[in-house]
Amino acid sequence: MGIITKVDTPMSWCSGMVDDPKQNGSVRICVDLKAINEGVMREKHPLLKIKETVAPMTGARIFSKLDANSGFWLIPLAEESQLLTGTVRKILFQETPIWNLQCPRTFLKANEHHCGRLKGRSESYG
């Protein structure tokens, strides 16, 4: 997966990096995208409520589960948007960073699009 890429040219925008200690003692390096999130144009796509998803499954006998644990990383960023994800380490994101406020809605919309053929026979919950 091409999640990030190294950049050698000067960047006009640069986000800081933050250390996030994990419970096991190791450290997760994160990008602070607060400034970018302030300027993100949010798409108006409703997030489903559990009741809306569970009710249609009443009486169902067969269930499946898809592991979408890394699904956010499957949504590519437009090239012009990639330039806004630059970090002090000269790294750009090529896929949607999960810290982007729009990401859950974009992921749900993509999930609904790809599972649309199953409409009436399946339900999805993001």
C-alpha atoms as a PDB file:
ATOM      1  CA  MET A   1       0.000   0.000   0.000  1.00  0.00           C
ATOM      2  CA  GLY A   2       1.372   3.429  -0.927  1.00  0.00           C
ATOM      3  CA  ILE A   3       0.176   5.251   2.184  1.00  0.00           C
ATOM      4  CA  ILE A   4       3.005   7.783   2.386  1.00  0.00           C
ATOM      5  CA  THR A   5       5.739   9.028   0.096  1.00  0.00           C
ATOM      6  CA  LYS A   6       8.990  10.911   0.692  1.00  0.00           C
ATOM      7  CA  VAL A   7       9.295  14.399  -0.820  1.00  0.00           C
ATOM      8  CA  ASP A   8      12.579  16.128  -1.658  1.00  0.00           C
ATOM      9  CA  THR A   9      11.175  19.424  -2.943  1.00  0.00           C
ATOM     10  CA  PRO A  10      10.254  22.418  -0.745  1.00  0.00           C
ATOM     11  CA  MET A  11       6.673  22.345   0.543  1.00  0.00           C
ATOM     12  CA  SER A  12       4.420  25.357   1.077  1.00  0.00           C
ATOM     13  CA  TRP A  13       2.506  23.603   3.888  1.00  0.00           C
ATOM     14  CA  CYS A  14       3.931  21.515   6.701  1.00  0.00           C
ATOM     15  CA  SER A  15       2.238  19.830   9.685  1.00  0.00           C
ATOM     16  CA  GLY A  16       4.002  18.923  12.899  1.00  0.00           C
ATOM     17  CA  MET A  17       4.470  15.430  14.265  1.00  0.00           C
ATOM     18  CA  VAL A  18       3.378  14.259  17.707  1.00  0.00           C
ATOM     19  CA  ASP A  19       4.483  11.319  19.864  1.00  0.00           C
ATOM     20  CA  ASP A  20       1.570   9.247  21.191  1.00  0.00           C
ATOM     21  CA  PRO A  21       2.651   6.782  23.916  1.00  0.00           C
ATOM     22  CA  LYS A  22       0.938   3.379  23.710  1.00  0.00           C
ATOM     23  CA  GLN A  23      -0.069   1.288  26.735  1.00  0.00           C
ATOM     24  CA  ASN A  24       2.644  -1.270  25.946  1.00  0.00           C
ATOM     25  CA  GLY A  25       5.352   1.399  26.284  1.00  0.00           C
ATOM     26  CA  SER A  26       6.064   1.867  22.577  1.00  0.00           C
ATOM     27  CA  VAL A  27       5.411   5.156  20.823  1.00  0.00           C
ATOM     28  CA  ARG A  28       3.114   5.881  17.888  1.00  0.00           C
ATOM     29  CA  ILE A  29       4.204   8.795  15.684  1.00  0.00           C
ATOM     30  CA  CYS A  30       1.220  10.873  14.528  1.00  0.00           C
ATOM     31  CA  VAL A  31       0.815  13.875  12.265  1.00  0.00           C
ATOM     32  CA  ASP A  32      -0.957  16.879  13.791  1.00  0.00           C
ATOM     33  CA  LEU A  33      -3.535  17.803  11.150  1.00  0.00           C
ATOM     34  CA  LYS A  34      -5.607  20.183  13.318  1.00  0.00           C
ATOM     35  CA  ALA A  35      -4.918  23.162  11.049  1.00  0.00           C
ATOM     36  CA  ILE A  36      -5.902  21.188   7.950  1.00  0.00           C
ATOM     37  CA  ASN A  37      -9.076  19.891   9.620  1.00  0.00           C
ATOM     38  CA  GLU A  38     -10.189  23.490  10.204  1.00  0.00           C
ATOM     39  CA  GLY A  39     -10.223  24.049   6.439  1.00  0.00           C
ATOM     40  CA  VAL A  40     -11.672  20.687   5.364  1.00  0.00           C
ATOM     41  CA  MET A  41     -14.891  21.005   3.372  1.00  0.00           C
ATOM     42  CA  ARG A  42     -17.181  18.503   5.036  1.00  0.00           C
ATOM     43  CA  GLU A  43     -19.457  16.471   2.828  1.00  0.00           C
ATOM     44  CA  LYS A  44     -22.965  16.094   4.208  1.00  0.00           C
ATOM     45  CA  HIS A  45     -23.274  12.311   4.319  1.00  0.00           C
ATOM     46  CA  PRO A  46     -25.331  11.000   7.255  1.00  0.00           C
ATOM     47  CA  LEU A  47     -23.741   8.520   9.620  1.00  0.00           C
ATOM     48  CA  LEU A  48     -26.087   5.616  10.303  1.00  0.00           C
ATOM     49  CA  LYS A  49     -27.454   4.836  13.751  1.00  0.00           C
ATOM     50  CA  ILE A  50     -27.271   1.278  15.045  1.00  0.00           C
ATOM     51  CA  LYS A  51     -31.088   1.036  15.253  1.00  0.00           C
ATOM     52  CA  GLU A  52     -31.383   1.887  11.551  1.00  0.00           C
ATOM     53  CA  THR A  53     -28.971  -0.911  10.715  1.00  0.00           C
ATOM     54  CA  VAL A  54     -30.146  -3.622  13.104  1.00  0.00           C
ATOM     55  CA  ALA A  55     -33.917  -3.372  12.453  1.00  0.00           C
ATOM     56  CA  PRO A  56     -33.768  -4.679   8.841  1.00  0.00           C
ATOM     57  CA  MET A  57     -31.851  -7.743  10.076  1.00  0.00           C
ATOM     58  CA  THR A  58     -34.747  -8.975  12.221  1.00  0.00           C
ATOM     59  CA  GLY A  59     -35.409 -12.593  11.295  1.00  0.00           C
ATOM     60  CA  ALA A  60     -32.186 -12.969   9.311  1.00  0.00           C
ATOM     61  CA  ARG A  61     -30.414 -16.315   9.661  1.00  0.00           C
ATOM     62  CA  ILE A  62     -27.129 -15.820   7.834  1.00  0.00           C
ATOM     63  CA  PHE A  63     -24.628 -13.117   8.708  1.00  0.00           C
ATOM     64  CA  SER A  64     -21.240 -12.110   7.325  1.00  0.00           C
ATOM     65  CA  LYS A  65     -18.615  -9.775   8.653  1.00  0.00           C
ATOM     66  CA  LEU A  66     -16.036  -7.844   6.646  1.00  0.00           C
ATOM     67  CA  ASP A  67     -12.810  -6.722   8.283  1.00  0.00           C
ATOM     68  CA  ALA A  68     -12.409  -3.085   7.332  1.00  0.00           C
ATOM     69  CA  ASN A  69      -9.819  -2.332   9.999  1.00  0.00           C
ATOM     70  CA  SER A  70      -7.480  -0.646   7.516  1.00  0.00           C
ATOM     71  CA  GLY A  71     -10.228   0.552   5.193  1.00  0.00           C
ATOM     72  CA  PHE A  72      -9.433   4.242   5.667  1.00  0.00           C
ATOM     73  CA  TRP A  73      -6.076   3.685   3.979  1.00  0.00           C
ATOM     74  CA  LEU A  74      -7.822   2.480   0.814  1.00  0.00           C
ATOM     75  CA  ILE A  75      -9.236   5.905  -0.046  1.00  0.00           C
ATOM     76  CA  PRO A  76      -6.717   7.761  -2.253  1.00  0.00           C
ATOM     77  CA  LEU A  77      -6.176  11.493  -1.875  1.00  0.00           C
ATOM     78  CA  ALA A  78      -6.266  13.793  -4.892  1.00  0.00           C
ATOM     79  CA  GLU A  79      -2.757  14.956  -5.787  1.00  0.00           C
ATOM     80  CA  GLU A  80      -3.507  18.565  -4.784  1.00  0.00           C
ATOM     81  CA  SER A  81      -4.791  17.334  -1.392  1.00  0.00           C
ATOM     82  CA  GLN A  82      -1.658  15.254  -0.856  1.00  0.00           C
ATOM     83  CA  LEU A  83       0.385  18.468  -0.882  1.00  0.00           C
ATOM     84  CA  LEU A  84      -1.536  19.652   2.202  1.00  0.00           C
ATOM     85  CA  THR A  85      -0.542  16.595   4.248  1.00  0.00           C
ATOM     86  CA  GLY A  86       3.186  17.361   4.215  1.00  0.00           C
ATOM     87  CA  THR A  87       5.096  16.922   7.477  1.00  0.00           C
ATOM     88  CA  VAL A  88       8.287  18.298   8.972  1.00  0.00           C
ATOM     89  CA  ARG A  89       9.891  14.974   7.979  1.00  0.00           C
ATOM     90  CA  LYS A  90       9.117  15.707   4.282  1.00  0.00           C
ATOM     91  CA  ILE A  91       6.500  12.957   4.023  1.00  0.00           C
ATOM     92  CA  LEU A  92       3.155  13.240   2.194  1.00  0.00           C
ATOM     93  CA  PHE A  93       0.098  11.038   2.599  1.00  0.00           C
ATOM     94  CA  GLN A  94      -1.156   9.412  -0.601  1.00  0.00           C
ATOM     95  CA  GLU A  95      -4.171   7.857   1.118  1.00  0.00           C
ATOM     96  CA  THR A  96      -6.681   9.523   3.452  1.00  0.00           C
ATOM     97  CA  PRO A  97      -5.180   9.925   6.929  1.00  0.00           C
ATOM     98  CA  ILE A  98      -7.590   8.722   9.624  1.00  0.00           C
ATOM     99  CA  TRP A  99      -7.109  12.010  11.486  1.00  0.00           C
ATOM    100  CA  ASN A 100      -8.969  13.808   8.709  1.00  0.00           C
ATOM    101  CA  LEU A 101     -12.404  14.828  10.034  1.00  0.00           C
ATOM    102  CA  GLN A 102     -14.070  13.925   6.734  1.00  0.00           C
ATOM    103  CA  CYS A 103     -12.617  10.411   6.649  1.00  0.00           C
ATOM    104  CA  PRO A 104     -15.424   8.493   8.464  1.00  0.00           C
ATOM    105  CA  ARG A 105     -18.085   9.923   6.142  1.00  0.00           C
ATOM    106  CA  THR A 106     -15.981   9.304   3.031  1.00  0.00           C
ATOM    107  CA  PHE A 107     -15.297   5.730   4.137  1.00  0.00           C
ATOM    108  CA  LEU A 108     -18.986   5.061   4.877  1.00  0.00           C
ATOM    109  CA  LYS A 109     -20.036   6.522   1.521  1.00  0.00           C
ATOM    110  CA  ALA A 110     -17.497   4.322  -0.315  1.00  0.00           C
ATOM    111  CA  ASN A 111     -18.646   1.284   1.667  1.00  0.00           C
ATOM    112  CA  GLU A 112     -22.293   1.957   0.803  1.00  0.00           C
ATOM    113  CA  HIS A 113     -21.365   2.439  -2.874  1.00  0.00           C
ATOM    114  CA  HIS A 114     -19.455  -0.844  -3.120  1.00  0.00           C
ATOM    115  CA  CYS A 115     -22.089  -2.811  -1.197  1.00  0.00           C
ATOM    116  CA  GLY A 116     -24.968  -1.166  -3.089  1.00  0.00           C
ATOM    117  CA  ARG A 117     -25.618  -4.247  -5.241  1.00  0.00           C
ATOM    118  CA  LEU A 118     -26.651  -6.043  -2.071  1.00  0.00           C
ATOM    119  CA  LYS A 119     -29.310  -3.447  -1.193  1.00  0.00           C
ATOM    120  CA  GLY A 120     -32.305  -5.142   0.384  1.00  0.00           C
ATOM    121  CA  ARG A 121     -30.250  -8.256   1.067  1.00  0.00           C
ATOM    122  CA  SER A 122     -27.627  -6.740   3.333  1.00  0.00           C
ATOM    123  CA  GLU A 123     -26.926  -3.839   5.639  1.00  0.00           C
ATOM    124  CA  SER A 124     -23.647  -2.137   6.424  1.00  0.00           C
ATOM    125  CA  TYR A 125     -22.622  -0.166   9.455  1.00  0.00           C
ATOM    126  CA  GLY A 126     -19.412   1.885   9.501  1.00  0.00           C
END
